[in-house]
Amino acid sequence: MKHNPVLTPTRRMILKSGLAGAALLGAPMIARAQAGKTLRAAHIESTESATHKGYVDFAERVAETTGGSVEVKVFPAGQLGNLRDLYEGIKLGSVDMTSSGPDYSANIAPIMVAAALYFSYRDDAHADRMLDGAFSAALSEALAKQAGMRILAWGELGWRSVFNTVRPIQSADDFAGLKLRVPEAQLHILPMTALGAAPTPIPYSDVYTSMQTGVVDGAEGTPSAVTQQKFNEVSKYYSLTQHLYNPLHLVIGDRVFGGLSGEEQVAVQAAAVAAFQAQRTQARADNTAALTALRDGGLEVNTVDVSEIRQIVIPTWEPLIKPLGAEGQALVDMLLA
């Protein structure tokens, strides 16, 4: 029997909920426990996103394979706060699970920078090998050591490209002087600076109005993000630089994970892997459809030969990876092998 996830919008109910956890492939059905456990899973994506669909699928799989002994309550679209709030909530115990790209989780565990370097992933097939193999396993172990949380599964947001109001990006020279909104992180600021752009960290929620008013000339994101946030309404050009592949990892607090029985851990992990492998497929389909919609809607979309751009960016990896020591370099070597 499938159980639908419960979408609960209030913080009060969150704080009254119980803790619980995660874990591995091929899980058996678990007999219903006398006292159920509730996992509070929160994210910032819209309810139309592939990410949210992944959470819903995950919740249904957990309910089915645990016989209801574990329930996942999903809180979408920033109901419980922004990413900083959600990661802090995992530490405090008010949230059990969330998701982001490693470009964000690097703020709490610097080792994650190794999975978020510009132009380090070659294509979808390469990304899949990394996310389903030893590379992702090593990242999960490192995140557990540095931040007290573990990665249950990997999905994706997609390939990020530059959109702006000034000119299409055809070569490295076209970055010169462009005021591009980037997250406030060196892994974004360093490569954009090397390309001659003026990286401008402002809140993501301010991108639309900042482009309208000229505070920034543009930003970067996946096709789905451009359509969902309606950035095409304030952009003229979308250049497929695909400078950053954005994986998505589903994380759970170690303390919560440890509160599950062994069978529940196996079932929850298996549900997460299955749901977010499907999410990866859905995200790719959504990005393909979004790119078609952007073209059909009149946004000027162009492909880019990034060979020169990549050569300019690669030297910015060194100051990002050096502080991570041998562990960070080993991860990068694994990624580039």
Protein backbone atom coordinates (compact mmCIF):
# COMPACT_ATOMS: atom_id res chain seq x y z
CA MET A 1 0.00 0.00 0.00
CA LYS A 2 1.29 3.47 -0.90
CA HIS A 3 1.03 6.36 1.51
CA ASN A 4 1.01 9.91 0.24
CA PRO A 5 3.48 12.31 1.89
CA VAL A 6 2.00 14.91 4.17
CA LEU A 7 2.77 18.52 3.30
CA THR A 8 2.72 20.43 6.58
CA PRO A 9 3.33 24.18 6.50
CA THR A 10 3.61 25.17 10.16
CA ARG A 11 6.80 25.41 12.19
CA ARG A 12 4.91 24.53 15.39
CA MET A 13 3.95 21.12 14.01
CA ILE A 14 7.53 20.60 12.85
CA LEU A 15 8.88 21.14 16.33
CA LYS A 16 6.41 18.60 17.72
CA SER A 17 7.46 15.93 15.23
CA GLY A 18 9.80 13.05 16.08
CA LEU A 19 13.28 12.34 14.69
CA ALA A 20 14.43 9.63 12.29
CA GLY A 21 16.77 8.55 9.47
CA ALA A 22 18.19 6.88 6.20
CA ALA A 23 20.11 3.96 4.23
CA LEU A 24 20.96 0.95 1.07
CA LEU A 25 19.59 -0.71 -2.05
CA GLY A 26 17.11 -3.62 -2.26
CA ALA A 27 15.22 -3.07 0.97
CA PRO A 28 12.68 -5.67 2.21
CA MET A 29 9.25 -4.83 3.54
CA ILE A 30 9.49 -4.12 7.28
CA ALA A 31 6.72 -5.14 9.63
CA ARG A 32 4.83 -2.16 11.04
CA ALA A 33 6.39 -0.92 14.27
CA GLN A 34 4.29 -0.08 17.29
CA ALA A 35 5.58 3.50 17.42
CA GLY A 36 6.17 5.18 14.05
CA LYS A 37 9.02 7.57 13.31
CA THR A 38 8.66 10.79 11.38
CA LEU A 39 11.30 12.35 9.15
CA ARG A 40 10.91 16.06 8.44
CA ALA A 41 12.26 16.63 4.95
CA ALA A 42 12.40 20.23 3.76
CA HIS A 43 13.65 21.87 0.57
CA ILE A 44 13.53 25.23 -1.21
CA GLU A 45 12.42 24.17 -4.70
CA SER A 46 8.95 24.78 -6.14
CA THR A 47 6.30 22.08 -6.01
CA GLU A 48 6.56 21.83 -9.81
CA SER A 49 10.26 21.00 -9.73
CA ALA A 50 11.90 17.64 -10.34
CA THR A 51 13.38 18.00 -6.85
CA HIS A 52 9.97 18.11 -5.19
CA LYS A 53 8.77 15.18 -7.27
CA GLY A 54 11.81 13.28 -6.03
CA TYR A 55 10.88 14.00 -2.42
CA VAL A 56 7.30 12.85 -2.97
CA ASP A 57 8.52 9.64 -4.62
CA PHE A 58 10.97 9.10 -1.76
CA ALA A 59 8.26 9.56 0.87
CA GLU A 60 5.96 7.08 -0.86
CA ARG A 61 8.72 4.50 -1.19
CA VAL A 62 9.67 4.84 2.48
CA ALA A 63 6.08 4.39 3.61
CA GLU A 64 5.69 1.30 1.45
CA THR A 65 8.97 -0.45 2.24
CA THR A 66 8.88 0.23 5.98
CA GLY A 67 5.25 -0.79 6.31
CA GLY A 68 4.54 2.66 7.73
CA SER A 69 7.06 2.46 10.57
CA VAL A 70 8.78 5.52 9.05
CA GLU A 71 6.84 8.46 7.64
CA VAL A 72 8.40 11.27 5.62
CA LYS A 73 6.72 14.67 5.86
CA VAL A 74 7.75 16.93 2.99
CA PHE A 75 7.94 20.70 3.38
CA PRO A 76 8.59 22.27 -0.05
CA ALA A 77 9.26 25.72 -1.43
CA GLY A 78 11.09 27.16 1.55
CA GLN A 79 8.24 26.63 4.00
CA LEU A 80 10.77 26.07 6.78
CA GLY A 81 13.26 28.66 5.61
CA ASN A 82 16.18 29.09 3.22
CA LEU A 83 19.08 26.67 2.86
CA ARG A 84 20.96 28.22 5.74
CA ASP A 85 17.90 27.72 7.96
CA LEU A 86 17.47 24.12 6.83
CA TYR A 87 21.07 23.07 7.38
CA GLU A 88 21.04 24.82 10.75
CA GLY A 89 17.78 23.00 11.47
CA ILE A 90 19.50 19.66 10.93
CA LYS A 91 22.10 20.62 13.53
CA LEU A 92 19.42 21.80 15.97
CA GLY A 93 17.07 18.88 15.37
CA SER A 94 14.13 20.87 13.98
CA VAL A 95 14.71 19.48 10.45
CA ASP A 96 15.85 15.96 9.62
CA MET A 97 16.61 16.09 5.91
CA THR A 98 17.25 18.62 3.16
CA SER A 99 19.01 18.92 -0.19
CA SER A 100 21.29 21.28 -2.06
CA GLY A 101 24.15 21.29 -4.47
CA PRO A 102 27.69 20.80 -3.16
CA ASP A 103 28.36 24.43 -4.09
CA TYR A 104 26.15 25.32 -1.10
CA SER A 105 27.11 22.54 1.32
CA ALA A 106 30.74 23.61 0.87
CA ASN A 107 29.79 26.43 3.26
CA ILE A 108 29.42 23.90 6.07
CA ALA A 109 31.88 21.26 4.87
CA PRO A 110 34.67 22.74 2.71
CA ILE A 111 35.53 19.34 1.23
CA MET A 112 32.36 19.60 -0.91
CA VAL A 113 34.13 22.18 -3.10
CA ALA A 114 35.72 19.18 -4.83
CA ALA A 115 32.33 18.35 -6.33
CA ALA A 116 31.55 21.91 -7.43
CA LEU A 117 34.41 23.10 -9.62
CA TYR A 118 33.60 24.94 -12.83
CA PHE A 119 34.13 22.77 -15.95
CA SER A 120 35.12 19.67 -13.97
CA TYR A 121 32.31 17.38 -15.17
CA ARG A 122 32.47 16.40 -18.84
CA ASP A 123 28.91 15.31 -19.62
CA ASP A 124 25.86 13.54 -18.18
CA ALA A 125 27.45 10.09 -18.47
CA HIS A 126 30.54 11.26 -16.59
CA ALA A 127 28.38 12.87 -13.91
CA ASP A 128 26.41 9.65 -13.47
CA ARG A 129 29.59 7.62 -12.99
CA MET A 130 30.78 10.05 -10.33
CA LEU A 131 27.46 10.26 -8.48
CA ASP A 132 26.89 6.51 -8.47
CA GLY A 133 30.40 5.37 -7.54
CA ALA A 134 33.40 5.78 -5.26
CA PHE A 135 33.56 9.56 -5.73
CA SER A 136 30.16 10.18 -4.16
CA ALA A 137 30.81 7.60 -1.45
CA ALA A 138 33.98 9.44 -0.45
CA LEU A 139 32.10 12.74 -0.36
CA SER A 140 29.41 11.26 1.86
CA GLU A 141 32.03 9.96 4.29
CA ALA A 142 33.78 13.34 4.33
CA LEU A 143 30.53 15.24 4.90
CA ALA A 144 29.69 12.96 7.83
CA LYS A 145 33.08 13.73 9.41
CA GLN A 146 32.98 17.48 8.81
CA ALA A 147 29.30 18.29 9.37
CA GLY A 148 27.61 15.40 11.17
CA MET A 149 25.31 14.55 8.27
CA ARG A 150 25.40 11.99 5.51
CA ILE A 151 24.36 11.87 1.89
CA LEU A 152 21.57 9.42 1.19
CA ALA A 153 21.36 9.88 -2.57
CA TRP A 154 22.32 12.09 -5.49
CA GLY A 155 19.99 13.76 -7.94
CA GLU A 156 20.68 16.83 -10.02
CA LEU A 157 19.63 20.36 -10.85
CA GLY A 158 21.46 20.36 -14.17
CA TRP A 159 23.97 22.40 -16.16
CA ARG A 160 24.21 26.07 -15.33
CA SER A 161 24.68 28.66 -18.09
CA VAL A 162 24.81 32.45 -18.34
CA PHE A 163 21.80 34.64 -19.14
CA ASN A 164 22.07 38.41 -19.49
CA THR A 165 20.75 41.59 -21.06
CA VAL A 166 23.93 42.88 -22.75
CA ARG A 167 25.30 40.38 -25.28
CA PRO A 168 25.54 36.68 -26.03
CA ILE A 169 28.60 34.87 -24.71
CA GLN A 170 30.53 33.61 -27.73
CA SER A 171 34.05 33.62 -26.29
CA ALA A 172 35.94 34.46 -23.11
CA ASP A 173 36.16 38.09 -24.19
CA ASP A 174 32.39 38.44 -23.93
CA PHE A 175 32.51 38.09 -20.14
CA ALA A 176 34.45 41.36 -19.86
CA GLY A 177 32.72 43.80 -17.54
CA LEU A 178 29.46 41.85 -17.25
CA LYS A 179 27.89 42.28 -13.83
CA LEU A 180 26.80 38.72 -13.17
CA ARG A 181 25.01 37.65 -10.04
CA VAL A 182 26.73 34.70 -8.39
CA PRO A 183 26.32 33.05 -4.99
CA GLU A 184 28.62 34.47 -2.33
CA ALA A 185 31.27 31.76 -2.59
CA GLN A 186 34.81 31.74 -3.90
CA LEU A 187 34.10 28.74 -6.12
CA HIS A 188 31.89 31.11 -8.17
CA ILE A 189 33.70 34.41 -7.64
CA LEU A 190 37.20 33.25 -8.61
CA PRO A 191 36.39 31.78 -12.05
CA MET A 192 34.06 34.64 -13.02
CA THR A 193 36.72 37.16 -12.02
CA ALA A 194 39.35 35.29 -14.04
CA LEU A 195 37.08 35.58 -17.08
CA GLY A 196 36.86 39.35 -16.65
CA ALA A 197 33.29 39.48 -15.39
CA ALA A 198 32.23 41.48 -12.34
CA PRO A 199 30.74 38.78 -10.09
CA THR A 200 28.10 40.33 -7.88
CA PRO A 201 26.82 38.32 -4.89
CA ILE A 202 23.20 39.26 -4.25
CA PRO A 203 20.36 37.08 -2.89
CA TYR A 204 18.86 34.74 -5.46
CA SER A 205 15.43 36.15 -4.69
CA ASP A 206 16.64 39.58 -5.88
CA VAL A 207 17.89 38.49 -9.32
CA TYR A 208 14.72 39.36 -11.26
CA THR A 209 14.34 42.90 -9.93
CA SER A 210 18.10 43.50 -9.99
CA MET A 211 18.16 42.71 -13.70
CA GLN A 212 15.17 44.96 -14.26
CA THR A 213 16.88 47.87 -12.54
CA GLY A 214 20.38 47.25 -13.91
CA VAL A 215 21.99 46.36 -10.58
CA VAL A 216 23.26 43.28 -12.45
CA ASP A 217 23.41 42.48 -16.15
CA GLY A 218 22.63 38.84 -15.69
CA ALA A 219 23.18 35.65 -13.73
CA GLU A 220 23.58 31.94 -14.32
CA GLY A 221 21.37 28.93 -13.87
CA THR A 222 19.77 25.87 -15.42
CA PRO A 223 17.08 26.17 -18.11
CA SER A 224 14.47 24.99 -15.60
CA ALA A 225 15.54 27.69 -13.13
CA VAL A 226 15.29 30.35 -15.84
CA THR A 227 11.73 29.34 -16.71
CA GLN A 228 10.54 28.72 -13.14
CA GLN A 229 11.85 32.10 -11.96
CA LYS A 230 10.79 33.82 -15.22
CA PHE A 231 14.28 35.22 -15.75
CA ASN A 232 13.61 35.04 -19.49
CA GLU A 233 11.27 38.01 -19.01
CA VAL A 234 14.20 40.23 -18.05
CA SER A 235 16.91 38.62 -20.22
CA LYS A 236 17.82 38.90 -23.89
CA TYR A 237 20.44 36.17 -24.18
CA TYR A 238 21.00 32.68 -22.79
CA SER A 239 24.42 31.31 -23.68
CA LEU A 240 24.98 27.62 -23.06
CA THR A 241 28.30 27.91 -21.27
CA GLN A 242 27.38 24.92 -19.10
CA HIS A 243 30.20 26.03 -16.85
CA LEU A 244 28.93 24.21 -13.78
CA TYR A 245 27.20 20.87 -13.47
CA ASN A 246 24.97 21.11 -10.42
CA PRO A 247 24.41 17.78 -8.67
CA LEU A 248 21.87 17.65 -5.87
CA HIS A 249 22.47 15.64 -2.72
CA LEU A 250 19.83 14.54 -0.24
CA VAL A 251 21.28 14.72 3.28
CA ILE A 252 20.17 13.50 6.69
CA GLY A 253 21.53 14.21 10.13
CA ASP A 254 23.76 11.44 11.52
CA ARG A 255 21.92 11.52 14.83
CA VAL A 256 18.59 10.96 13.09
CA PHE A 257 20.01 8.24 10.89
CA GLY A 258 21.34 6.45 13.97
CA GLY A 259 17.85 6.53 15.53
CA LEU A 260 16.53 4.14 12.89
CA SER A 261 16.70 0.39 13.14
CA GLY A 262 19.08 -1.38 10.79
CA GLU A 263 16.20 -2.51 8.57
CA GLU A 264 14.79 1.00 8.47
CA GLN A 265 18.16 2.43 7.51
CA VAL A 266 18.41 0.00 4.61
CA ALA A 267 14.86 0.77 3.49
CA VAL A 268 15.23 4.54 3.71
CA GLN A 269 18.56 4.56 1.87
CA ALA A 270 17.17 2.32 -0.86
CA ALA A 271 14.13 4.55 -1.26
CA ALA A 272 16.34 7.63 -1.51
CA VAL A 273 18.63 6.13 -4.15
CA ALA A 274 15.72 4.92 -6.30
CA ALA A 275 13.76 8.16 -5.97
CA PHE A 276 16.66 10.46 -6.74
CA GLN A 277 17.96 8.42 -9.64
CA ALA A 278 14.48 8.93 -11.08
CA GLN A 279 14.70 12.60 -10.11
CA ARG A 280 17.90 12.90 -12.17
CA THR A 281 16.05 11.59 -15.22
CA GLN A 282 13.14 13.94 -14.57
CA ALA A 283 15.44 16.94 -14.12
CA ARG A 284 17.09 16.28 -17.48
CA ALA A 285 13.72 16.00 -19.20
CA ASP A 286 12.56 19.20 -17.51
CA ASN A 287 15.69 21.11 -18.55
CA THR A 288 15.35 19.93 -22.15
CA ALA A 289 11.72 21.02 -22.24
CA ALA A 290 12.57 24.34 -20.57
CA LEU A 291 15.28 25.11 -23.13
CA THR A 292 12.84 24.47 -25.96
CA ALA A 293 10.29 26.73 -24.28
CA LEU A 294 12.88 29.50 -23.87
CA ARG A 295 13.79 29.34 -27.55
CA ASP A 296 10.14 29.25 -28.61
CA GLY A 297 9.43 32.19 -26.29
CA GLY A 298 11.92 34.42 -28.09
CA LEU A 299 14.96 34.28 -25.83
CA GLU A 300 18.13 34.23 -27.94
CA VAL A 301 19.87 30.95 -27.10
CA ASN A 302 23.35 30.11 -28.39
CA THR A 303 25.85 27.30 -27.96
CA VAL A 304 29.40 28.14 -26.89
CA ASP A 305 32.81 26.66 -27.65
CA VAL A 306 34.11 26.65 -24.09
CA SER A 307 37.63 25.30 -24.71
CA GLU A 308 39.27 28.72 -24.26
CA ILE A 309 36.98 29.63 -21.36
CA ARG A 310 37.79 26.38 -19.57
CA GLN A 311 41.54 26.94 -19.89
CA ILE A 312 41.16 30.35 -18.23
CA VAL A 313 39.08 28.88 -15.40
CA ILE A 314 41.14 25.78 -14.56
CA PRO A 315 43.89 27.71 -12.68
CA THR A 316 41.23 28.94 -10.23
CA TRP A 317 40.79 25.38 -8.97
CA GLU A 318 44.15 25.44 -7.17
CA PRO A 319 43.31 28.03 -4.47
CA LEU A 320 40.02 26.24 -3.87
CA ILE A 321 41.50 22.76 -3.51
CA LYS A 322 44.83 23.49 -1.81
CA PRO A 323 43.26 24.23 1.62
CA LEU A 324 41.60 20.81 1.49
CA GLY A 325 44.94 19.02 1.54
CA ALA A 326 45.53 15.51 0.25
CA GLU A 327 41.91 14.47 0.77
CA GLY A 328 40.62 17.24 -1.49
CA GLN A 329 43.22 16.59 -4.17
CA ALA A 330 42.40 12.89 -4.14
CA LEU A 331 38.75 13.68 -4.77
CA VAL A 332 39.59 16.00 -7.64
CA ASP A 333 41.89 13.37 -9.14
CA MET A 334 39.03 10.87 -8.91
CA LEU A 335 36.67 13.31 -10.62
CA LEU A 336 39.07 14.07 -13.47
CA ALA A 337 40.24 10.49 -14.07
